[in-house]
Amino acid sequence: MKETYRGGDPDPGAEPGLTPAAEETPVEAIVEVDGERFSFQPDGSSGTHYTWLTGPDPDYGFSSSPTTGWTAHQHVANIRDFLSQIDPATGYLGEE
């Protein structure tokens, strides 16, 4: 690990591939886009997690990174792009 780790002494409790759990992050905003409601909040890693509140599953959504400093218009465009990939027959992302 020392050969590839940069930034001081490694954390002995660190697990590869896991982002440290953020303390409970309050919902930043709820927005309606094309008749669908989403909440979005910072994910603790310079990105944003979007939850599709009116989607087929209350935990379904997506994340984007980096989104630091994005405007509301950019978040709406990101959500609209996600919705454009949804398979209308299943309500989930279509297979490519």
Protein backbone atom coordinates (compact mmCIF):
# COMPACT_ATOMS: atom_id res chain seq x y z
CA MET A 1 0.00 0.00 0.00
CA LYS A 2 2.81 2.43 0.76
CA GLU A 3 3.92 2.36 -2.89
CA THR A 4 0.56 3.69 -4.14
CA TYR A 5 -0.81 5.64 -1.19
CA ARG A 6 -0.10 9.35 -1.27
CA GLY A 7 -1.00 11.89 1.35
CA GLY A 8 0.57 10.87 4.64
CA ASP A 9 0.15 7.79 6.78
CA PRO A 10 -2.58 5.42 5.67
CA ASP A 11 -5.63 4.99 7.86
CA PRO A 12 -5.44 1.47 9.35
CA GLY A 13 -9.25 1.30 9.42
CA ALA A 14 -9.67 2.25 5.76
CA GLU A 15 -11.32 -0.18 3.38
CA PRO A 16 -10.56 0.07 -0.35
CA GLY A 17 -13.42 1.29 -2.49
CA LEU A 18 -15.53 2.70 0.32
CA THR A 19 -16.26 6.36 0.82
CA PRO A 20 -16.27 7.40 4.47
CA ALA A 21 -19.84 7.64 5.71
CA ALA A 22 -20.99 11.21 5.88
CA GLU A 23 -22.96 12.27 8.88
CA GLU A 24 -26.63 12.52 8.09
CA THR A 25 -26.79 15.11 5.35
CA PRO A 26 -30.01 17.09 5.19
CA VAL A 27 -31.91 17.16 1.92
CA GLU A 28 -30.63 20.15 0.00
CA ALA A 29 -33.62 20.58 -2.26
CA ILE A 30 -36.68 18.98 -3.76
CA VAL A 31 -37.40 19.84 -7.35
CA GLU A 32 -40.00 18.85 -9.93
CA VAL A 33 -38.69 18.10 -13.43
CA ASP A 34 -41.07 17.13 -16.22
CA GLY A 35 -43.71 16.05 -13.69
CA GLU A 36 -41.30 13.94 -11.61
CA ARG A 37 -40.09 14.88 -8.10
CA PHE A 38 -36.46 14.46 -7.01
CA SER A 39 -34.59 15.31 -3.85
CA PHE A 40 -30.92 16.05 -4.17
CA GLN A 41 -28.20 16.49 -1.62
CA PRO A 42 -24.40 16.59 -1.42
CA ASP A 43 -22.87 13.12 -1.27
CA GLY A 44 -19.85 14.14 0.84
CA SER A 45 -17.40 13.65 -2.05
CA SER A 46 -17.89 16.82 -4.16
CA GLY A 47 -20.87 15.23 -5.86
CA THR A 48 -24.63 15.08 -5.58
CA HIS A 49 -27.01 12.19 -4.97
CA TYR A 50 -30.46 12.45 -6.56
CA THR A 51 -33.40 10.39 -5.28
CA TRP A 52 -36.37 9.91 -7.61
CA LEU A 53 -39.26 10.47 -5.21
CA THR A 54 -42.00 9.67 -7.73
CA GLY A 55 -40.13 6.80 -9.38
CA PRO A 56 -40.80 3.07 -9.20
CA ASP A 57 -38.72 2.54 -6.05
CA PRO A 58 -38.37 5.04 -3.16
CA ASP A 59 -34.60 4.38 -3.00
CA TYR A 60 -33.98 4.64 -6.76
CA GLY A 61 -31.81 7.43 -8.03
CA PHE A 62 -28.34 8.30 -9.23
CA SER A 63 -25.25 10.25 -8.31
CA SER A 64 -23.05 12.66 -10.24
CA SER A 65 -19.61 14.01 -9.45
CA PRO A 66 -18.19 16.57 -9.38
CA THR A 67 -21.11 18.97 -8.99
CA THR A 68 -19.61 21.54 -6.64
CA GLY A 69 -20.89 24.99 -7.55
CA TRP A 70 -23.59 23.79 -9.92
CA THR A 71 -26.56 26.05 -10.50
CA ALA A 72 -30.17 24.88 -10.13
CA HIS A 73 -30.38 24.85 -13.95
CA GLN A 74 -27.45 22.41 -14.16
CA HIS A 75 -29.06 20.07 -11.61
CA VAL A 76 -32.34 20.14 -13.56
CA ALA A 77 -30.48 19.38 -16.80
CA ASN A 78 -28.74 16.45 -15.09
CA ILE A 79 -32.07 15.06 -13.86
CA ARG A 80 -33.63 15.55 -17.30
CA ASP A 81 -30.75 13.59 -18.86
CA PHE A 82 -31.36 10.76 -16.35
CA LEU A 83 -35.08 10.71 -17.16
CA SER A 84 -34.34 10.54 -20.90
CA GLN A 85 -32.61 7.18 -20.30
CA ILE A 86 -35.51 5.61 -18.40
CA ASP A 87 -37.25 2.69 -20.12
CA PRO A 88 -40.97 3.62 -20.06
CA ALA A 89 -41.97 -0.05 -19.85
CA THR A 90 -39.99 -0.72 -16.65
CA GLY A 91 -39.47 2.69 -15.06
CA TYR A 92 -35.76 1.93 -14.71
CA LEU A 93 -32.67 2.74 -16.74
CA GLY A 94 -32.78 0.91 -20.03
CA GLU A 95 -30.07 -1.51 -21.06
CA GLU A 96 -27.72 -0.34 -23.76
